[in-house]
Amino acid sequence: SPAGMVLSVLVILLLSVLYEAVKMGKAVLLRRALLALPRSLSQENLTEPQEGDSGPTQGSLSLMAFPISFPRWFWFHVGQTLFHVLQVVLGYMVMLAVMSYNAWIFLGAIVGSTLGYFM
C-alpha cells in the first residue's frame, strides 16, 4: 500500500539520520576521552612497572583483585564501545533495507544520511 511505503521510507530516513548522529556522538566522545587522559600516560607506563617497584608476583592476590574505581577515561571508552555497537546495528539495518532493491527505500537512506550529516 502507498501508506505503508511512505512509512517505510520515513523509518529508513530516520534510521539514517540516527546513524549519522551516533557517528558524530562517537567523535565527540572520543575528543572528550582524549582530553580525560593524563598527559604523562604512555603505553610503557601502563604495562611496565617503575624502577624500584616490586611488581606483584604470579600468585599474588592483587593480580586477581578487581579494581573498584576506574579512571575517567575508562568510562569514556565504555561509552565509545556502546556507541560503536549502536552504530554497527543501525548501519546493518539500513543496509538490509537498501538490499531490498527498492528505489524509494534507497532514496530514503540517501536523504536521511545527507540530512543527518548536515545536522
N, C-alpha and C. Protein backbone atom coordinates (compact mmCIF):
# COMPACT_ATOMS: atom_id res chain seq x y z
N SER A 1 0.84 -1.19 0.00
CA SER A 1 0.00 0.00 0.00
C SER A 1 0.88 1.25 0.00
N PRO A 2 0.39 2.32 -0.54
CA PRO A 2 1.18 3.56 -0.58
C PRO A 2 1.51 4.10 0.82
N ALA A 3 0.57 3.99 1.75
CA ALA A 3 0.83 4.50 3.11
C ALA A 3 1.94 3.68 3.78
N GLY A 4 1.94 2.37 3.56
CA GLY A 4 2.99 1.52 4.12
C GLY A 4 4.35 1.85 3.53
N MET A 5 4.38 2.16 2.23
CA MET A 5 5.65 2.50 1.59
C MET A 5 6.17 3.84 2.11
N VAL A 6 5.29 4.81 2.27
CA VAL A 6 5.70 6.12 2.80
C VAL A 6 6.23 5.95 4.22
N LEU A 7 5.55 5.14 5.03
CA LEU A 7 6.01 4.90 6.39
C LEU A 7 7.37 4.20 6.40
N SER A 8 7.55 3.24 5.50
CA SER A 8 8.84 2.54 5.41
C SER A 8 9.97 3.49 5.03
N VAL A 9 9.71 4.35 4.07
CA VAL A 9 10.74 5.31 3.64
C VAL A 9 11.07 6.27 4.78
N LEU A 10 10.05 6.71 5.52
CA LEU A 10 10.30 7.62 6.65
C LEU A 10 11.10 6.93 7.76
N VAL A 11 10.81 5.67 8.01
CA VAL A 11 11.55 4.93 9.05
C VAL A 11 13.02 4.79 8.63
N ILE A 12 13.26 4.44 7.38
CA ILE A 12 14.64 4.32 6.90
C ILE A 12 15.34 5.67 6.92
N LEU A 13 14.61 6.72 6.56
CA LEU A 13 15.19 8.07 6.61
C LEU A 13 15.60 8.41 8.05
N LEU A 14 14.74 8.12 9.01
CA LEU A 14 15.07 8.41 10.41
C LEU A 14 16.21 7.53 10.93
N LEU A 15 16.25 6.27 10.50
CA LEU A 15 17.37 5.40 10.90
C LEU A 15 18.69 5.94 10.34
N SER A 16 18.66 6.45 9.13
CA SER A 16 19.89 7.00 8.53
C SER A 16 20.33 8.27 9.26
N VAL A 17 19.36 9.10 9.63
CA VAL A 17 19.69 10.31 10.40
C VAL A 17 20.27 9.91 11.75
N LEU A 18 19.67 8.93 12.40
CA LEU A 18 20.17 8.46 13.69
C LEU A 18 21.57 7.86 13.56
N TYR A 19 21.82 7.14 12.47
CA TYR A 19 23.16 6.58 12.23
C TYR A 19 24.21 7.69 12.18
N GLU A 20 23.91 8.76 11.44
CA GLU A 20 24.86 9.88 11.35
C GLU A 20 25.01 10.58 12.69
N ALA A 21 23.93 10.69 13.45
CA ALA A 21 24.01 11.33 14.78
C ALA A 21 24.87 10.51 15.72
N VAL A 22 24.73 9.20 15.68
CA VAL A 22 25.56 8.33 16.53
C VAL A 22 27.01 8.44 16.12
N LYS A 23 27.26 8.52 14.82
CA LYS A 23 28.64 8.66 14.34
C LYS A 23 29.27 9.95 14.86
N MET A 24 28.52 11.03 14.85
CA MET A 24 29.04 12.30 15.36
C MET A 24 29.18 12.26 16.88
N GLY A 25 28.24 11.63 17.56
CA GLY A 25 28.34 11.50 19.01
C GLY A 25 29.56 10.70 19.43
N LYS A 26 29.89 9.70 18.63
CA LYS A 26 31.08 8.90 18.91
C LYS A 26 32.35 9.75 18.77
N ALA A 27 32.37 10.63 17.78
CA ALA A 27 33.52 11.51 17.59
C ALA A 27 33.66 12.50 18.75
N VAL A 28 32.54 13.03 19.22
CA VAL A 28 32.56 13.95 20.36
C VAL A 28 33.05 13.23 21.61
N LEU A 29 32.58 12.01 21.81
CA LEU A 29 33.00 11.24 22.97
C LEU A 29 34.49 10.91 22.90
N LEU A 30 34.99 10.64 21.70
CA LEU A 30 36.42 10.39 21.54
C LEU A 30 37.24 11.62 21.93
N ARG A 31 36.79 12.79 21.52
CA ARG A 31 37.50 14.03 21.87
C ARG A 31 37.52 14.21 23.39
N ARG A 32 36.39 13.96 24.03
CA ARG A 32 36.34 14.09 25.50
C ARG A 32 37.22 13.05 26.18
N ALA A 33 37.26 11.85 25.63
CA ALA A 33 38.10 10.79 26.22
C ALA A 33 39.57 11.17 26.10
N LEU A 34 39.96 11.73 24.98
CA LEU A 34 41.36 12.13 24.81
C LEU A 34 41.73 13.25 25.77
N LEU A 35 40.79 14.14 26.03
CA LEU A 35 41.06 15.21 27.00
C LEU A 35 41.11 14.68 28.43
N ALA A 36 40.45 13.56 28.69
CA ALA A 36 40.44 12.99 30.04
C ALA A 36 41.69 12.18 30.34
N LEU A 37 42.45 11.82 29.32
CA LEU A 37 43.67 11.04 29.54
C LEU A 37 44.72 11.90 30.25
N PRO A 38 45.44 11.32 31.18
CA PRO A 38 46.54 12.08 31.80
C PRO A 38 47.62 12.37 30.77
N ARG A 39 48.28 13.50 30.92
CA ARG A 39 49.28 13.92 29.94
C ARG A 39 50.49 12.99 29.91
N SER A 40 50.82 12.36 31.04
CA SER A 40 52.02 11.53 31.10
C SER A 40 51.73 10.07 30.78
N LEU A 41 50.53 9.80 30.30
CA LEU A 41 50.15 8.43 30.01
C LEU A 41 50.84 7.93 28.75
N SER A 42 51.50 6.81 28.86
CA SER A 42 52.10 6.18 27.69
C SER A 42 51.95 4.68 27.83
N GLN A 43 52.14 3.96 26.77
CA GLN A 43 51.97 2.51 26.80
C GLN A 43 52.97 1.86 27.76
N GLU A 44 54.19 2.42 27.83
CA GLU A 44 55.19 1.85 28.72
C GLU A 44 54.76 2.00 30.18
N ASN A 45 54.17 3.14 30.52
CA ASN A 45 53.73 3.36 31.89
C ASN A 45 52.59 2.43 32.26
N LEU A 46 51.81 2.03 31.28
CA LEU A 46 50.69 1.15 31.57
C LEU A 46 51.13 -0.29 31.77
N THR A 47 52.16 -0.72 31.05
CA THR A 47 52.49 -2.15 31.07
C THR A 47 53.71 -2.49 31.90
N GLU A 48 54.64 -1.58 32.07
CA GLU A 48 55.88 -1.89 32.78
C GLU A 48 55.88 -1.24 34.15
N PRO A 49 56.32 -1.96 35.17
CA PRO A 49 56.42 -1.34 36.50
C PRO A 49 57.58 -0.33 36.53
N GLN A 50 57.46 0.63 37.43
CA GLN A 50 58.51 1.64 37.58
C GLN A 50 59.74 1.01 38.22
N GLU A 51 60.89 1.65 38.03
CA GLU A 51 62.13 1.16 38.64
C GLU A 51 62.00 1.20 40.15
N GLY A 52 62.46 0.15 40.80
CA GLY A 52 62.41 0.09 42.25
C GLY A 52 61.09 -0.44 42.78
N ASP A 53 60.08 -0.47 41.94
CA ASP A 53 58.80 -1.03 42.37
C ASP A 53 58.88 -2.54 42.29
N SER A 54 58.39 -3.19 43.31
CA SER A 54 58.33 -4.65 43.23
C SER A 54 56.96 -5.00 42.69
N GLY A 55 56.93 -5.52 41.49
CA GLY A 55 55.66 -5.87 40.85
C GLY A 55 55.04 -7.05 41.55
N PRO A 56 53.77 -7.25 41.37
CA PRO A 56 53.10 -8.37 42.02
C PRO A 56 53.62 -9.69 41.47
N THR A 57 53.73 -10.64 42.35
CA THR A 57 54.20 -11.96 41.93
C THR A 57 53.07 -12.71 41.27
N GLN A 58 53.40 -13.85 40.70
CA GLN A 58 52.41 -14.56 39.90
C GLN A 58 51.23 -15.03 40.75
N GLY A 59 51.46 -15.45 41.95
CA GLY A 59 50.38 -15.95 42.79
C GLY A 59 49.74 -14.88 43.65
N SER A 60 50.11 -13.67 43.46
CA SER A 60 49.63 -12.59 44.32
C SER A 60 48.13 -12.35 44.15
N LEU A 61 47.48 -11.97 45.24
CA LEU A 61 46.06 -11.68 45.21
C LEU A 61 45.78 -10.38 44.47
N SER A 62 46.73 -9.44 44.46
CA SER A 62 46.48 -8.16 43.82
C SER A 62 46.35 -8.29 42.30
N LEU A 63 46.89 -9.34 41.72
CA LEU A 63 46.71 -9.57 40.30
C LEU A 63 45.28 -9.96 39.98
N MET A 64 44.66 -10.68 40.90
CA MET A 64 43.32 -11.18 40.65
C MET A 64 42.25 -10.23 41.18
N ALA A 65 42.63 -9.24 41.96
CA ALA A 65 41.65 -8.33 42.54
C ALA A 65 41.06 -7.43 41.46
N PHE A 66 39.76 -7.26 41.50
CA PHE A 66 39.07 -6.41 40.53
C PHE A 66 39.06 -4.99 41.05
N PRO A 67 39.52 -4.03 40.27
CA PRO A 67 39.56 -2.64 40.76
C PRO A 67 38.15 -2.10 41.00
N ILE A 68 37.99 -1.41 42.11
CA ILE A 68 36.67 -0.90 42.46
C ILE A 68 36.36 0.37 41.67
N SER A 69 37.30 1.28 41.58
CA SER A 69 37.05 2.50 40.84
C SER A 69 37.91 2.53 39.58
N PHE A 70 37.31 2.93 38.50
CA PHE A 70 38.02 3.01 37.23
C PHE A 70 38.34 4.46 36.94
N PRO A 71 39.41 4.70 36.19
CA PRO A 71 39.70 6.08 35.80
C PRO A 71 38.62 6.61 34.84
N ARG A 72 38.58 7.92 34.74
CA ARG A 72 37.56 8.58 33.92
C ARG A 72 37.63 8.16 32.46
N TRP A 73 38.83 8.00 31.92
CA TRP A 73 38.95 7.63 30.51
C TRP A 73 38.36 6.26 30.24
N PHE A 74 38.34 5.37 31.24
CA PHE A 74 37.76 4.03 31.06
C PHE A 74 36.27 4.14 30.76
N TRP A 75 35.57 5.01 31.49
CA TRP A 75 34.13 5.16 31.27
C TRP A 75 33.85 5.78 29.92
N PHE A 76 34.73 6.68 29.45
CA PHE A 76 34.58 7.21 28.10
C PHE A 76 34.75 6.09 27.08
N HIS A 77 35.67 5.16 27.34
CA HIS A 77 35.90 4.04 26.44
C HIS A 77 34.68 3.11 26.42
N VAL A 78 34.06 2.90 27.57
CA VAL A 78 32.84 2.09 27.62
C VAL A 78 31.74 2.77 26.80
N GLY A 79 31.62 4.08 26.94
CA GLY A 79 30.63 4.83 26.16
C GLY A 79 30.89 4.73 24.66
N GLN A 80 32.16 4.83 24.28
CA GLN A 80 32.52 4.70 22.87
C GLN A 80 32.16 3.32 22.34
N THR A 81 32.37 2.30 23.16
CA THR A 81 32.05 0.93 22.75
C THR A 81 30.55 0.79 22.51
N LEU A 82 29.75 1.32 23.42
CA LEU A 82 28.30 1.25 23.25
C LEU A 82 27.84 2.03 22.02
N PHE A 83 28.43 3.20 21.79
CA PHE A 83 28.11 3.97 20.59
C PHE A 83 28.49 3.19 19.33
N HIS A 84 29.62 2.49 19.39
CA HIS A 84 30.06 1.71 18.22
C HIS A 84 29.08 0.57 17.93
N VAL A 85 28.64 -0.12 18.97
CA VAL A 85 27.68 -1.22 18.78
C VAL A 85 26.39 -0.67 18.17
N LEU A 86 25.90 0.45 18.68
CA LEU A 86 24.69 1.06 18.15
C LEU A 86 24.88 1.48 16.70
N GLN A 87 26.06 2.03 16.38
CA GLN A 87 26.34 2.45 15.00
C GLN A 87 26.36 1.24 14.06
N VAL A 88 26.96 0.15 14.48
CA VAL A 88 27.02 -1.05 13.64
C VAL A 88 25.62 -1.62 13.42
N VAL A 89 24.82 -1.69 14.48
CA VAL A 89 23.46 -2.23 14.36
C VAL A 89 22.63 -1.37 13.41
N LEU A 90 22.68 -0.04 13.59
CA LEU A 90 21.92 0.84 12.71
C LEU A 90 22.40 0.74 11.27
N GLY A 91 23.71 0.66 11.08
CA GLY A 91 24.26 0.55 9.74
C GLY A 91 23.80 -0.72 9.03
N TYR A 92 23.79 -1.83 9.75
CA TYR A 92 23.33 -3.08 9.15
C TYR A 92 21.83 -3.05 8.87
N MET A 93 21.07 -2.39 9.73
CA MET A 93 19.63 -2.29 9.47
C MET A 93 19.35 -1.47 8.22
N VAL A 94 20.05 -0.36 8.05
CA VAL A 94 19.88 0.46 6.85
C VAL A 94 20.35 -0.32 5.63
N MET A 95 21.47 -1.02 5.75
CA MET A 95 21.97 -1.81 4.63
C MET A 95 20.98 -2.90 4.23
N LEU A 96 20.40 -3.55 5.22
CA LEU A 96 19.42 -4.59 4.93
C LEU A 96 18.21 -4.02 4.20
N ALA A 97 17.78 -2.83 4.61
CA ALA A 97 16.65 -2.19 3.93
C ALA A 97 17.01 -1.81 2.49
N VAL A 98 18.21 -1.30 2.29
CA VAL A 98 18.65 -0.91 0.95
C VAL A 98 18.78 -2.15 0.07
N MET A 99 19.14 -3.28 0.66
CA MET A 99 19.29 -4.50 -0.12
C MET A 99 17.94 -5.09 -0.57
N SER A 100 16.85 -4.42 -0.22
CA SER A 100 15.55 -4.84 -0.75
C SER A 100 15.40 -4.41 -2.21
N TYR A 101 16.36 -3.64 -2.70
CA TYR A 101 16.39 -3.17 -4.09
C TYR A 101 15.16 -2.35 -4.46
N ASN A 102 14.67 -1.59 -3.48
CA ASN A 102 13.56 -0.69 -3.73
C ASN A 102 14.14 0.72 -3.86
N ALA A 103 13.83 1.38 -4.96
CA ALA A 103 14.41 2.71 -5.23
C ALA A 103 13.98 3.73 -4.18
N TRP A 104 12.73 3.67 -3.71
CA TRP A 104 12.27 4.64 -2.72
C TRP A 104 12.97 4.45 -1.38
N ILE A 105 13.18 3.21 -0.99
CA ILE A 105 13.91 2.92 0.25
C ILE A 105 15.35 3.42 0.12
N PHE A 106 15.95 3.18 -1.04
CA PHE A 106 17.32 3.65 -1.29
C PHE A 106 17.40 5.17 -1.19
N LEU A 107 16.44 5.86 -1.81
CA LEU A 107 16.43 7.32 -1.74
C LEU A 107 16.20 7.81 -0.31
N GLY A 108 15.36 7.09 0.45
CA GLY A 108 15.16 7.45 1.86
C GLY A 108 16.44 7.33 2.67
N ALA A 109 17.23 6.28 2.38
CA ALA A 109 18.51 6.11 3.08
C ALA A 109 19.49 7.21 2.70
N ILE A 110 19.53 7.57 1.42
CA ILE A 110 20.44 8.62 0.96
C ILE A 110 20.04 9.98 1.55
N VAL A 111 18.76 10.31 1.49
CA VAL A 111 18.29 11.60 2.03
C VAL A 111 18.51 11.65 3.54
N GLY A 112 18.23 10.55 4.23
CA GLY A 112 18.44 10.53 5.68
C GLY A 112 19.90 10.68 6.05
N SER A 113 20.77 10.04 5.30
CA SER A 113 22.20 10.17 5.57
C SER A 113 22.67 11.60 5.31
N THR A 114 22.14 12.19 4.25
CA THR A 114 22.50 13.58 3.93
C THR A 114 22.02 14.52 5.01
N LEU A 115 20.76 14.36 5.43
CA LEU A 115 20.22 15.23 6.49
C LEU A 115 20.97 15.03 7.80
N GLY A 116 21.27 13.79 8.13
CA GLY A 116 22.00 13.51 9.37
C GLY A 116 23.38 14.13 9.39
N TYR A 117 24.05 14.08 8.25
CA TYR A 117 25.39 14.68 8.17
C TYR A 117 25.28 16.21 8.24
N PHE A 118 24.26 16.76 7.60
CA PHE A 118 24.08 18.21 7.57
C PHE A 118 23.80 18.76 8.96
N MET A 119 23.03 18.01 9.76
CA MET A 119 22.68 18.47 11.10
C MET A 119 23.92 18.43 11.96
